[in-house]
């Protein structure tokens, strides 16, 4: 699949959050602040019933190639 210029120049984040149940959730996004807000508001189906959440770590990539392989 050919890469377009927009996908190469976009910053992506792989993040790990810990839920109130003690379970961990790993996600990938190009807007970490907005994604974490959605988690906290219960708008993410996978974590909505496990609130509150705590951000454990994040890794930032300069393109979409690395996080796709890591996630």
C-alpha atoms as a PDB file:
ATOM      1  CA  UNK A   1       0.000   0.000   0.000  1.00  0.00           C
ATOM      2  CA  UNK A   2       1.551   3.332  -1.006  1.00  0.00           C
ATOM      3  CA  UNK A   3       1.931   5.981   1.675  1.00  0.00           C
ATOM      4  CA  UNK A   4       0.634   9.448   1.097  1.00  0.00           C
ATOM      5  CA  UNK A   5       2.517  12.472   2.423  1.00  0.00           C
ATOM      6  CA  UNK A   6      -0.147  13.274   5.046  1.00  0.00           C
ATOM      7  CA  UNK A   7       0.198   9.901   6.770  1.00  0.00           C
ATOM      8  CA  UNK A   8       4.000  10.216   6.981  1.00  0.00           C
ATOM      9  CA  UNK A   9       3.917  13.711   8.546  1.00  0.00           C
ATOM     10  CA  UNK A  10       1.261  12.976  11.192  1.00  0.00           C
ATOM     11  CA  UNK A  11       2.279  12.459  14.816  1.00  0.00           C
ATOM     12  CA  UNK A  12       0.723   9.413  16.490  1.00  0.00           C
ATOM     13  CA  UNK A  13       0.705   8.285  20.097  1.00  0.00           C
ATOM     14  CA  UNK A  14       0.528   4.800  21.530  1.00  0.00           C
ATOM     15  CA  UNK A  15      -0.754   5.019  25.082  1.00  0.00           C
ATOM     16  CA  UNK A  16      -1.467   2.727  28.005  1.00  0.00           C
ATOM     17  CA  UNK A  17      -4.128   3.535  30.557  1.00  0.00           C
ATOM     18  CA  UNK A  18      -5.010   1.712  33.756  1.00  0.00           C
ATOM     19  CA  UNK A  19      -8.702   1.326  34.503  1.00  0.00           C
ATOM     20  CA  UNK A  20     -10.362   1.300  37.907  1.00  0.00           C
ATOM     21  CA  UNK A  21     -10.750  -2.484  37.558  1.00  0.00           C
ATOM     22  CA  UNK A  22      -6.963  -2.859  37.411  1.00  0.00           C
ATOM     23  CA  UNK A  23      -7.106  -3.788  33.725  1.00  0.00           C
ATOM     24  CA  UNK A  24      -4.947  -2.041  31.149  1.00  0.00           C
ATOM     25  CA  UNK A  25      -6.012  -0.604  27.807  1.00  0.00           C
ATOM     26  CA  UNK A  26      -3.612   0.124  24.936  1.00  0.00           C
ATOM     27  CA  UNK A  27      -4.623   2.580  22.244  1.00  0.00           C
ATOM     28  CA  UNK A  28      -3.260   4.565  19.327  1.00  0.00           C
ATOM     29  CA  UNK A  29      -4.352   8.068  18.315  1.00  0.00           C
ATOM     30  CA  UNK A  30      -3.189  11.198  16.529  1.00  0.00           C
ATOM     31  CA  UNK A  31      -4.738  13.464  19.226  1.00  0.00           C
ATOM     32  CA  UNK A  32      -3.905  12.153  22.694  1.00  0.00           C
ATOM     33  CA  UNK A  33      -5.537  14.974  24.647  1.00  0.00           C
ATOM     34  CA  UNK A  34      -8.872  14.564  22.858  1.00  0.00           C
ATOM     35  CA  UNK A  35      -8.757  10.772  23.102  1.00  0.00           C
ATOM     36  CA  UNK A  36      -8.097  10.835  26.857  1.00  0.00           C
ATOM     37  CA  UNK A  37     -10.969  13.305  27.305  1.00  0.00           C
ATOM     38  CA  UNK A  38     -13.261  10.872  25.458  1.00  0.00           C
ATOM     39  CA  UNK A  39     -12.106   8.057  27.743  1.00  0.00           C
ATOM     40  CA  UNK A  40     -12.758  10.155  30.870  1.00  0.00           C
ATOM     41  CA  UNK A  41     -16.266  11.128  29.666  1.00  0.00           C
ATOM     42  CA  UNK A  42     -17.211   7.481  29.092  1.00  0.00           C
ATOM     43  CA  UNK A  43     -17.400   7.920  25.311  1.00  0.00           C
ATOM     44  CA  UNK A  44     -15.086   4.992  24.541  1.00  0.00           C
ATOM     45  CA  UNK A  45     -17.031   1.733  24.694  1.00  0.00           C
ATOM     46  CA  UNK A  46     -14.049  -0.363  25.807  1.00  0.00           C
ATOM     47  CA  UNK A  47     -13.362   1.706  28.915  1.00  0.00           C
ATOM     48  CA  UNK A  48     -16.707   3.402  29.678  1.00  0.00           C
ATOM     49  CA  UNK A  49     -17.610   0.860  32.375  1.00  0.00           C
ATOM     50  CA  UNK A  50     -14.108   0.916  33.930  1.00  0.00           C
ATOM     51  CA  UNK A  51     -13.801   4.589  34.917  1.00  0.00           C
ATOM     52  CA  UNK A  52     -11.889   6.424  36.138  1.00  0.00           C
ATOM     53  CA  UNK A  53      -8.781   5.792  34.091  1.00  0.00           C
ATOM     54  CA  UNK A  54      -5.155   6.769  34.664  1.00  0.00           C
ATOM     55  CA  UNK A  55      -2.599   7.394  31.919  1.00  0.00           C
ATOM     56  CA  UNK A  56       0.366   5.111  32.603  1.00  0.00           C
ATOM     57  CA  UNK A  57       2.606   5.937  29.643  1.00  0.00           C
ATOM     58  CA  UNK A  58       2.677   7.199  26.086  1.00  0.00           C
ATOM     59  CA  UNK A  59       5.039   6.846  23.155  1.00  0.00           C
ATOM     60  CA  UNK A  60       4.991   9.439  20.365  1.00  0.00           C
ATOM     61  CA  UNK A  61       5.840   8.582  16.769  1.00  0.00           C
ATOM     62  CA  UNK A  62       6.455  10.930  13.856  1.00  0.00           C
ATOM     63  CA  UNK A  63       4.563   8.695  11.436  1.00  0.00           C
ATOM     64  CA  UNK A  64       1.943   5.962  11.293  1.00  0.00           C
ATOM     65  CA  UNK A  65       4.360   3.137  10.484  1.00  0.00           C
ATOM     66  CA  UNK A  66       5.810   2.601  13.956  1.00  0.00           C
ATOM     67  CA  UNK A  67       2.658   2.662  16.105  1.00  0.00           C
ATOM     68  CA  UNK A  68       0.825   0.276  13.807  1.00  0.00           C
ATOM     69  CA  UNK A  69       3.556  -2.296  14.269  1.00  0.00           C
ATOM     70  CA  UNK A  70       3.783  -1.692  18.025  1.00  0.00           C
ATOM     71  CA  UNK A  71       0.062  -1.641  18.789  1.00  0.00           C
END
